[in-house]
Amino acid sequence: MNKADLIEAVAREANFTHVDTKRAIDATISVIQKALKRGDTVGLVGFGSFTVRKRAARMARNPRTGEAVKIKASKVPRFTPGKPFKDFVNN
C-alpha cells in the first residue's frame, strides 16, 4: 500500500473527502517529522512509538571494488510497534 492507497482507504473508512484525508495524513506526517527532528518521541498508545536513534560512525566496504569506506555518524528514525498492534498483526 502506498500513500495514495492509504489516503483512499482512510477516506473510505472514515467517510471523509479525499482532499480532507490527504490534508490530515500530510499534517500527521509533518507533525511526527518535526517532533523527531526536535528529539522528541511520538507515542501512539496501542499502535507504537516513533523515536530517533544515533548510529555511530563505522567502516564499511564498497561491494563493487572492495575499497574501505567511512560512513559518518547519523541519526535514524525508528518505529517500535506496540503490543496490541503486534498482536493484531499476528492473529
N, C-alpha and C. Protein backbone atom coordinates (compact mmCIF):
# COMPACT_ATOMS: atom_id res chain seq x y z
N MET A 1 0.85 -1.17 0.00
CA MET A 1 0.00 0.00 0.00
C MET A 1 0.90 1.23 0.00
N ASN A 2 0.67 2.11 -0.94
CA ASN A 2 1.43 3.35 -0.98
C ASN A 2 0.58 4.47 -0.37
N LYS A 3 1.11 5.69 -0.40
CA LYS A 3 0.43 6.81 0.25
C LYS A 3 -0.95 7.09 -0.38
N ALA A 4 -1.03 7.02 -1.69
CA ALA A 4 -2.31 7.26 -2.36
C ALA A 4 -3.34 6.21 -1.95
N ASP A 5 -2.90 4.95 -1.86
CA ASP A 5 -3.80 3.88 -1.41
C ASP A 5 -4.26 4.11 0.03
N LEU A 6 -3.33 4.55 0.88
CA LEU A 6 -3.66 4.82 2.27
C LEU A 6 -4.69 5.95 2.36
N ILE A 7 -4.49 7.01 1.62
CA ILE A 7 -5.44 8.13 1.63
C ILE A 7 -6.82 7.66 1.20
N GLU A 8 -6.87 6.87 0.15
CA GLU A 8 -8.15 6.36 -0.35
C GLU A 8 -8.83 5.47 0.69
N ALA A 9 -8.07 4.58 1.32
CA ALA A 9 -8.64 3.66 2.31
C ALA A 9 -9.14 4.41 3.54
N VAL A 10 -8.37 5.38 4.03
CA VAL A 10 -8.79 6.15 5.21
C VAL A 10 -10.01 7.00 4.88
N ALA A 11 -10.04 7.59 3.71
CA ALA A 11 -11.20 8.40 3.30
C ALA A 11 -12.46 7.54 3.27
N ARG A 12 -12.33 6.36 2.73
CA ARG A 12 -13.47 5.45 2.65
C ARG A 12 -13.91 4.98 4.04
N GLU A 13 -12.93 4.60 4.88
CA GLU A 13 -13.21 4.10 6.24
C GLU A 13 -13.84 5.17 7.13
N ALA A 14 -13.33 6.39 7.06
CA ALA A 14 -13.80 7.47 7.93
C ALA A 14 -14.92 8.30 7.30
N ASN A 15 -15.24 8.01 6.05
CA ASN A 15 -16.27 8.75 5.33
C ASN A 15 -15.92 10.24 5.24
N PHE A 16 -14.63 10.50 4.92
CA PHE A 16 -14.12 11.85 4.71
C PHE A 16 -13.89 12.05 3.22
N THR A 17 -13.75 13.31 2.82
CA THR A 17 -13.39 13.57 1.44
C THR A 17 -11.93 13.22 1.22
N HIS A 18 -11.60 12.95 -0.01
CA HIS A 18 -10.22 12.62 -0.37
C HIS A 18 -9.28 13.77 -0.02
N VAL A 19 -9.70 15.00 -0.30
CA VAL A 19 -8.88 16.18 -0.05
C VAL A 19 -8.63 16.36 1.45
N ASP A 20 -9.68 16.23 2.27
CA ASP A 20 -9.51 16.38 3.72
C ASP A 20 -8.63 15.28 4.30
N THR A 21 -8.80 14.08 3.80
CA THR A 21 -7.98 12.95 4.27
C THR A 21 -6.52 13.16 3.92
N LYS A 22 -6.24 13.61 2.69
CA LYS A 22 -4.85 13.86 2.28
C LYS A 22 -4.24 14.94 3.17
N ARG A 23 -4.99 15.99 3.43
CA ARG A 23 -4.50 17.08 4.28
C ARG A 23 -4.21 16.57 5.69
N ALA A 24 -5.07 15.73 6.23
CA ALA A 24 -4.88 15.20 7.59
C ALA A 24 -3.67 14.27 7.66
N ILE A 25 -3.51 13.41 6.67
CA ILE A 25 -2.36 12.49 6.67
C ILE A 25 -1.06 13.27 6.48
N ASP A 26 -1.05 14.23 5.57
CA ASP A 26 0.15 15.06 5.38
C ASP A 26 0.50 15.82 6.66
N ALA A 27 -0.51 16.35 7.35
CA ALA A 27 -0.27 17.08 8.60
C ALA A 27 0.27 16.14 9.67
N THR A 28 -0.27 14.93 9.75
CA THR A 28 0.19 13.95 10.74
C THR A 28 1.66 13.61 10.51
N ILE A 29 2.01 13.34 9.27
CA ILE A 29 3.40 13.01 8.95
C ILE A 29 4.31 14.19 9.26
N SER A 30 3.88 15.39 8.94
CA SER A 30 4.68 16.59 9.20
C SER A 30 4.91 16.79 10.69
N VAL A 31 3.87 16.61 11.49
CA VAL A 31 4.00 16.79 12.95
C VAL A 31 4.96 15.74 13.52
N ILE A 32 4.86 14.50 13.06
CA ILE A 32 5.76 13.45 13.54
C ILE A 32 7.20 13.78 13.15
N GLN A 33 7.42 14.21 11.92
CA GLN A 33 8.78 14.55 11.47
C GLN A 33 9.37 15.69 12.30
N LYS A 34 8.58 16.73 12.53
CA LYS A 34 9.07 17.88 13.31
C LYS A 34 9.39 17.47 14.75
N ALA A 35 8.56 16.64 15.35
CA ALA A 35 8.81 16.18 16.72
C ALA A 35 10.10 15.37 16.79
N LEU A 36 10.32 14.49 15.82
CA LEU A 36 11.54 13.67 15.82
C LEU A 36 12.77 14.53 15.59
N LYS A 37 12.64 15.54 14.75
CA LYS A 37 13.77 16.44 14.49
C LYS A 37 14.18 17.18 15.77
N ARG A 38 13.18 17.53 16.61
CA ARG A 38 13.46 18.19 17.89
C ARG A 38 14.04 17.21 18.93
N GLY A 39 13.97 15.91 18.64
CA GLY A 39 14.47 14.92 19.57
C GLY A 39 13.39 14.32 20.45
N ASP A 40 12.14 14.67 20.18
CA ASP A 40 11.02 14.13 20.95
C ASP A 40 10.68 12.71 20.49
N THR A 41 9.94 12.00 21.32
CA THR A 41 9.39 10.70 20.98
C THR A 41 7.90 10.88 20.75
N VAL A 42 7.37 10.23 19.73
CA VAL A 42 5.94 10.27 19.45
C VAL A 42 5.38 8.89 19.76
N GLY A 43 4.56 8.80 20.81
CA GLY A 43 3.97 7.53 21.20
C GLY A 43 2.48 7.54 20.97
N LEU A 44 2.00 6.54 20.25
CA LEU A 44 0.58 6.38 19.99
C LEU A 44 0.14 5.09 20.68
N VAL A 45 -0.56 5.23 21.81
CA VAL A 45 -0.94 4.09 22.62
C VAL A 45 -1.73 3.09 21.76
N GLY A 46 -1.33 1.83 21.82
CA GLY A 46 -1.97 0.78 21.06
C GLY A 46 -1.41 0.61 19.67
N PHE A 47 -0.61 1.55 19.22
CA PHE A 47 -0.04 1.48 17.87
C PHE A 47 1.47 1.31 17.93
N GLY A 48 2.18 2.28 18.53
CA GLY A 48 3.62 2.18 18.63
C GLY A 48 4.26 3.52 18.89
N SER A 49 5.59 3.54 18.85
CA SER A 49 6.35 4.75 19.15
C SER A 49 7.35 5.04 18.03
N PHE A 50 7.45 6.33 17.71
CA PHE A 50 8.46 6.81 16.78
C PHE A 50 9.56 7.46 17.62
N THR A 51 10.81 7.07 17.40
CA THR A 51 11.94 7.63 18.12
C THR A 51 13.07 7.90 17.14
N VAL A 52 14.10 8.56 17.65
CA VAL A 52 15.32 8.79 16.87
C VAL A 52 16.46 8.09 17.59
N ARG A 53 17.23 7.32 16.85
CA ARG A 53 18.39 6.64 17.42
C ARG A 53 19.65 7.17 16.75
N LYS A 54 20.72 7.19 17.51
CA LYS A 54 22.00 7.62 16.97
C LYS A 54 22.74 6.41 16.44
N ARG A 55 23.26 6.54 15.24
CA ARG A 55 24.05 5.47 14.63
C ARG A 55 25.50 5.96 14.61
N ALA A 56 26.39 5.20 15.17
CA ALA A 56 27.80 5.58 15.27
C ALA A 56 28.48 5.52 13.90
N ALA A 57 29.55 6.28 13.76
CA ALA A 57 30.37 6.21 12.55
C ALA A 57 30.98 4.81 12.47
N ARG A 58 31.18 4.34 11.25
CA ARG A 58 31.73 2.99 11.09
C ARG A 58 32.42 2.86 9.74
N MET A 59 33.17 1.81 9.62
CA MET A 59 33.83 1.50 8.36
C MET A 59 33.02 0.42 7.65
N ALA A 60 32.92 0.54 6.34
CA ALA A 60 32.21 -0.44 5.52
C ALA A 60 33.04 -0.71 4.27
N ARG A 61 32.59 -1.63 3.46
CA ARG A 61 33.30 -1.94 2.21
C ARG A 61 32.38 -1.72 1.02
N ASN A 62 32.94 -1.11 0.00
CA ASN A 62 32.23 -0.97 -1.26
C ASN A 62 32.19 -2.37 -1.88
N PRO A 63 31.01 -2.96 -2.07
CA PRO A 63 30.94 -4.33 -2.58
C PRO A 63 31.48 -4.48 -4.01
N ARG A 64 31.46 -3.42 -4.77
CA ARG A 64 31.93 -3.50 -6.15
C ARG A 64 33.45 -3.51 -6.23
N THR A 65 34.10 -2.65 -5.41
CA THR A 65 35.56 -2.52 -5.50
C THR A 65 36.29 -3.14 -4.33
N GLY A 66 35.59 -3.40 -3.22
CA GLY A 66 36.25 -3.93 -2.03
C GLY A 66 36.94 -2.84 -1.23
N GLU A 67 36.87 -1.61 -1.68
CA GLU A 67 37.52 -0.48 -1.02
C GLU A 67 36.82 -0.15 0.31
N ALA A 68 37.63 0.17 1.34
CA ALA A 68 37.07 0.58 2.63
C ALA A 68 36.49 1.98 2.51
N VAL A 69 35.30 2.16 3.09
CA VAL A 69 34.60 3.44 3.03
C VAL A 69 34.17 3.80 4.44
N LYS A 70 34.39 5.06 4.82
CA LYS A 70 33.96 5.51 6.13
C LYS A 70 32.55 6.07 6.01
N ILE A 71 31.67 5.60 6.90
CA ILE A 71 30.29 6.08 6.95
C ILE A 71 30.17 6.96 8.19
N LYS A 72 29.68 8.19 7.98
CA LYS A 72 29.58 9.15 9.08
C LYS A 72 28.49 8.74 10.07
N ALA A 73 28.63 9.25 11.30
CA ALA A 73 27.59 9.06 12.30
C ALA A 73 26.32 9.76 11.82
N SER A 74 25.18 9.21 12.20
CA SER A 74 23.92 9.81 11.78
C SER A 74 22.81 9.49 12.78
N LYS A 75 21.70 10.15 12.59
CA LYS A 75 20.50 9.87 13.37
C LYS A 75 19.51 9.20 12.43
N VAL A 76 18.83 8.17 12.93
CA VAL A 76 17.86 7.46 12.09
C VAL A 76 16.53 7.35 12.83
N PRO A 77 15.43 7.59 12.11
CA PRO A 77 14.12 7.41 12.74
C PRO A 77 13.84 5.92 12.91
N ARG A 78 13.10 5.61 13.95
CA ARG A 78 12.79 4.21 14.24
C ARG A 78 11.35 4.12 14.71
N PHE A 79 10.66 3.08 14.27
CA PHE A 79 9.30 2.81 14.74
C PHE A 79 9.32 1.49 15.50
N THR A 80 8.77 1.52 16.71
CA THR A 80 8.64 0.31 17.51
C THR A 80 7.15 0.05 17.72
N PRO A 81 6.63 -1.04 17.17
CA PRO A 81 5.21 -1.31 17.32
C PRO A 81 4.85 -1.65 18.75
N GLY A 82 3.64 -1.24 19.17
CA GLY A 82 3.14 -1.57 20.49
C GLY A 82 2.59 -2.99 20.52
N LYS A 83 2.41 -3.53 21.70
CA LYS A 83 1.95 -4.90 21.85
C LYS A 83 0.58 -5.14 21.20
N PRO A 84 -0.42 -4.26 21.39
CA PRO A 84 -1.70 -4.51 20.73
C PRO A 84 -1.58 -4.56 19.20
N PHE A 85 -0.73 -3.72 18.65
CA PHE A 85 -0.53 -3.71 17.19
C PHE A 85 0.13 -5.01 16.74
N LYS A 86 1.18 -5.45 17.46
CA LYS A 86 1.84 -6.71 17.13
C LYS A 86 0.87 -7.88 17.23
N ASP A 87 0.07 -7.88 18.31
CA ASP A 87 -0.90 -8.97 18.49
C ASP A 87 -1.93 -8.99 17.36
N PHE A 88 -2.39 -7.81 16.94
CA PHE A 88 -3.35 -7.73 15.85
C PHE A 88 -2.77 -8.31 14.56
N VAL A 89 -1.53 -7.97 14.26
CA VAL A 89 -0.89 -8.45 13.02
C VAL A 89 -0.67 -9.96 13.09
N ASN A 90 -0.35 -10.48 14.26
CA ASN A 90 -0.04 -11.91 14.40
C ASN A 90 -1.25 -12.81 14.56
N ASN A 91 -2.42 -12.26 14.78
CA ASN A 91 -3.61 -13.10 14.97
C ASN A 91 -4.61 -12.91 13.87
